[in-house]
Amino acid sequence: MQIQIHIASHPLIQHWSGILNNNNNPGTILRTACSELGKWITYEIMREWLVTDTITTEDDTTIKLISNNYKYIIVIIMPYGFILAEGARALLPTANILLASYNDGINNISDSLNSFTKVLIVDLFLNEKIITLILGQLIEKGALLENIQIACLECGSSQLSQLGHNWSNLNIYTTKVNNMLIESELSKEELFKDKFFI
C-alpha cells in the first residue's frame, strides 16, 4: 500500500491558505489563519477517522455518538506546531496533548498505547526526520500506524518519497505539496518566527 496524501481543498481551507500566503499580513492575521487551517484540516481528517457508536435512547430513537472506547492524542511538534494545533484542539477538546521537539521527539509518553488509540501529529511543515522519530516512538509504545494521521500546511515531494519507503500506509493531510519545500521552508519559518513571536 502506498503512502496516502490528502490535499484538503475545502473552500475555507483555500481561503485561509490564501491569507497565509500573503506575507504582508500582520502576525495576528497569520496566526489566525494557521489556527483556522488546523481546525479545517482536522475536520477533513475526522470525517473518516472518528469512530461512532449507535445508541438507542429510552424512547427507542437511534442516535450516533463518538465512541468512548477510543483515546485521542494530539502530538504537537514545537515550536510552530502549537499554532496549527489550536484549531485541532477546538475539534478534539478531550484529546490528550503530547509535545515533541526536533531533537528528542515526544518528551512525555507515559501511557501504553494500543489499537484503541488514535494519534494526530501536527506541524506547520512536514519534516521526515522528526516524523520518523515520532512514529517509531508511538509504535514502540503500542500504537498502530493505521490509527496515526499527520496534519501539516505544506510538505515536500522528496520528503513524502522518503517517508513512503518506511511507512507505506501512512496518511498525511496537507494543503499543498511543494517540490521546493526544503529551499522555501527556512524562509517561511523565519517569517512566522518574526511575525508570531515579536
Protein backbone atom coordinates (compact mmCIF):
# COMPACT_ATOMS: atom_id res chain seq x y z
CA MET A 1 0.00 0.00 0.00
CA GLN A 2 1.31 3.46 -0.91
CA ILE A 3 1.55 6.47 1.34
CA GLN A 4 -1.75 8.35 1.26
CA ILE A 5 -1.56 12.11 0.58
CA HIS A 6 -4.80 14.01 1.08
CA ILE A 7 -4.85 17.55 -0.29
CA ALA A 8 -7.51 19.35 1.75
CA SER A 9 -9.44 21.53 -0.69
CA HIS A 10 -12.43 22.79 1.30
CA PRO A 11 -13.24 26.40 0.26
CA LEU A 12 -12.44 27.64 3.78
CA ILE A 13 -9.05 25.94 3.59
CA GLN A 14 -8.39 27.68 0.27
CA HIS A 15 -9.46 30.99 1.80
CA TRP A 16 -7.20 30.74 4.85
CA SER A 17 -4.31 29.39 2.76
CA GLY A 18 -4.58 32.48 0.56
CA ILE A 19 -4.45 34.74 3.62
CA LEU A 20 -1.45 32.82 4.98
CA ASN A 21 0.42 33.17 1.69
CA ASN A 22 0.11 36.97 1.80
CA ASN A 23 3.36 37.93 3.54
CA ASN A 24 2.10 41.49 4.03
CA ASN A 25 -0.48 40.40 6.58
CA PRO A 26 0.36 41.13 10.24
CA GLY A 27 1.27 38.33 12.63
CA THR A 28 -2.14 38.25 14.30
CA ILE A 29 -3.82 37.56 10.95
CA LEU A 30 -1.27 34.88 10.02
CA ARG A 31 -1.70 33.22 13.40
CA THR A 32 -5.48 33.20 12.99
CA ALA A 33 -5.05 31.69 9.52
CA CYS A 34 -2.86 28.90 10.93
CA SER A 35 -5.35 28.15 13.68
CA GLU A 36 -8.25 28.06 11.22
CA LEU A 37 -6.32 25.82 8.85
CA GLY A 38 -5.57 23.48 11.75
CA LYS A 39 -9.27 23.30 12.51
CA TRP A 40 -10.41 22.64 8.96
CA ILE A 41 -7.65 20.13 8.15
CA THR A 42 -8.59 18.28 11.35
CA TYR A 43 -12.23 18.38 10.25
CA GLU A 44 -11.24 16.67 6.99
CA ILE A 45 -9.31 14.01 8.93
CA MET A 46 -12.16 13.37 11.37
CA ARG A 47 -14.69 12.59 8.64
CA GLU A 48 -13.10 9.17 8.11
CA TRP A 49 -11.19 8.83 11.37
CA LEU A 50 -13.64 9.26 14.22
CA VAL A 51 -15.39 6.12 15.45
CA THR A 52 -19.05 6.36 16.42
CA ASP A 53 -21.31 4.04 18.39
CA THR A 54 -25.00 3.58 17.70
CA ILE A 55 -27.03 4.22 20.84
CA THR A 56 -30.72 3.55 21.43
CA THR A 57 -32.42 6.06 23.73
CA GLU A 58 -35.23 5.35 26.18
CA ASP A 59 -37.83 6.29 23.58
CA ASP A 60 -36.24 3.85 21.05
CA THR A 61 -34.64 6.62 19.00
CA THR A 62 -31.35 5.55 17.39
CA ILE A 63 -28.53 8.07 17.58
CA LYS A 64 -24.80 8.06 16.83
CA LEU A 65 -22.23 9.40 19.31
CA ILE A 66 -18.44 9.45 19.29
CA SER A 67 -17.23 6.19 20.78
CA ASN A 68 -15.83 6.31 24.31
CA ASN A 69 -13.73 3.23 23.57
CA TYR A 70 -11.05 5.25 21.78
CA LYS A 71 -8.45 7.57 23.24
CA TYR A 72 -7.36 10.55 21.10
CA ILE A 73 -3.91 12.12 21.29
CA ILE A 74 -2.57 15.24 19.57
CA VAL A 75 1.21 15.30 19.17
CA ILE A 76 2.36 18.90 18.72
CA ILE A 77 5.78 19.39 17.16
CA MET A 78 7.25 22.50 18.75
CA PRO A 79 7.77 25.37 18.35
CA TYR A 80 5.40 26.08 15.44
CA GLY A 81 3.04 23.11 15.56
CA PHE A 82 1.12 24.53 18.50
CA ILE A 83 -0.27 27.30 16.29
CA LEU A 84 -1.84 24.77 13.92
CA ALA A 85 -2.89 22.65 16.91
CA GLU A 86 -5.00 25.47 18.35
CA GLY A 87 -7.61 24.75 15.69
CA ALA A 88 -7.26 20.99 16.02
CA ARG A 89 -7.91 21.17 19.75
CA ALA A 90 -11.16 23.03 19.11
CA LEU A 91 -12.49 19.89 17.40
CA LEU A 92 -10.85 17.38 19.74
CA PRO A 93 -11.15 19.16 23.11
CA THR A 94 -10.81 15.95 25.15
CA ALA A 95 -7.66 14.75 23.36
CA ASN A 96 -4.50 14.26 25.38
CA ILE A 97 -1.63 16.55 24.36
CA LEU A 98 1.94 15.35 23.84
CA LEU A 99 4.74 17.78 22.99
CA ALA A 100 7.57 16.83 20.64
CA SER A 101 10.85 18.54 19.76
CA TYR A 102 13.02 18.22 16.67
CA ASN A 103 15.88 16.76 18.71
CA ASP A 104 14.16 14.32 21.07
CA GLY A 105 10.79 13.52 19.57
CA ILE A 106 7.98 13.08 22.09
CA ASN A 107 9.04 14.09 25.57
CA ASN A 108 6.34 12.56 27.75
CA ILE A 109 4.74 9.32 26.52
CA SER A 110 3.66 7.80 29.81
CA ASP A 111 0.74 5.56 28.85
CA SER A 112 0.88 2.36 26.88
CA LEU A 113 -0.86 2.82 23.54
CA ASN A 114 -2.99 0.23 21.77
CA SER A 115 -5.39 -0.38 18.88
CA PHE A 116 -7.91 1.93 20.57
CA THR A 117 -5.52 4.89 20.50
CA LYS A 118 -5.86 7.44 17.68
CA VAL A 119 -2.99 9.90 17.19
CA LEU A 120 -2.88 13.18 15.26
CA ILE A 121 0.62 14.62 14.64
CA VAL A 122 0.62 18.37 13.90
CA ASP A 123 3.31 20.66 12.47
CA LEU A 124 3.43 23.54 10.02
CA PHE A 125 5.86 21.91 7.59
CA LEU A 126 6.49 18.19 7.19
CA ASN A 127 9.92 17.08 8.33
CA GLU A 128 10.57 13.42 7.55
CA LYS A 129 13.28 13.03 10.23
CA ILE A 130 11.14 14.15 13.16
CA ILE A 131 8.10 12.28 11.78
CA THR A 132 10.15 9.08 11.53
CA LEU A 133 11.39 9.53 15.10
CA ILE A 134 7.88 10.18 16.45
CA LEU A 135 6.32 7.27 14.54
CA GLY A 136 8.96 4.95 15.95
CA GLN A 137 8.25 6.15 19.49
CA LEU A 138 4.48 5.75 19.09
CA ILE A 139 4.66 2.29 17.56
CA GLU A 140 7.14 1.14 20.21
CA LYS A 141 4.51 2.11 22.80
CA GLY A 142 1.84 0.07 21.01
CA ALA A 143 0.12 2.50 18.60
CA LEU A 144 -0.97 1.18 15.21
CA LEU A 145 0.21 3.02 12.10
CA GLU A 146 -3.28 2.96 10.59
CA ASN A 147 -4.52 4.93 13.61
CA ILE A 148 -1.96 7.73 13.13
CA GLN A 149 -2.71 10.79 10.98
CA ILE A 150 -0.43 13.70 10.14
CA ALA A 151 -1.60 17.28 9.55
CA CYS A 152 0.67 19.96 8.08
CA LEU A 153 0.37 23.05 5.94
CA GLU A 154 2.95 22.00 3.36
CA CYS A 155 5.08 19.01 2.57
CA GLY A 156 7.85 18.41 0.04
CA SER A 157 7.61 15.68 -2.57
CA SER A 158 11.09 14.40 -1.70
CA GLN A 159 10.12 14.15 1.98
CA LEU A 160 6.98 12.24 1.06
CA SER A 161 9.01 9.85 -1.04
CA GLN A 162 11.41 9.17 1.84
CA LEU A 163 8.56 8.62 4.29
CA GLY A 164 6.83 6.32 1.82
CA HIS A 165 9.79 3.93 1.79
CA ASN A 166 9.49 3.27 5.53
CA TRP A 167 5.82 3.97 6.26
CA SER A 168 3.90 2.85 3.20
CA ASN A 169 0.37 3.11 4.63
CA LEU A 170 0.84 6.47 6.35
CA ASN A 171 -1.91 9.11 5.96
CA ILE A 172 -0.88 12.76 5.55
CA TYR A 173 -3.30 15.68 5.24
CA THR A 174 -1.94 18.93 3.86
CA THR A 175 -2.91 21.99 1.86
CA LYS A 176 -0.02 21.78 -0.58
CA VAL A 177 2.74 19.54 -1.89
CA ASN A 178 5.74 21.72 -2.68
CA ASN A 179 8.59 20.35 -4.82
CA MET A 180 10.92 23.03 -3.45
CA LEU A 181 9.94 22.90 0.23
CA ILE A 182 13.48 22.43 1.51
CA GLU A 183 14.55 25.72 -0.06
CA SER A 184 11.41 27.60 0.95
CA GLU A 185 10.93 26.13 4.44
CA LEU A 186 13.61 28.18 6.17
CA SER A 187 12.36 31.49 4.83
CA LYS A 188 8.76 30.65 5.76
CA GLU A 189 9.67 29.53 9.27
CA GLU A 190 11.76 32.65 9.74
CA LEU A 191 8.82 34.75 8.54
CA PHE A 192 6.48 33.06 11.01
CA LYS A 193 9.03 33.41 13.81
CA ASP A 194 9.42 37.12 13.12
CA LYS A 195 5.65 37.71 12.93
CA PHE A 196 4.34 35.34 15.61
CA PHE A 197 6.88 35.96 18.36
CA ILE A 198 7.51 39.69 18.25
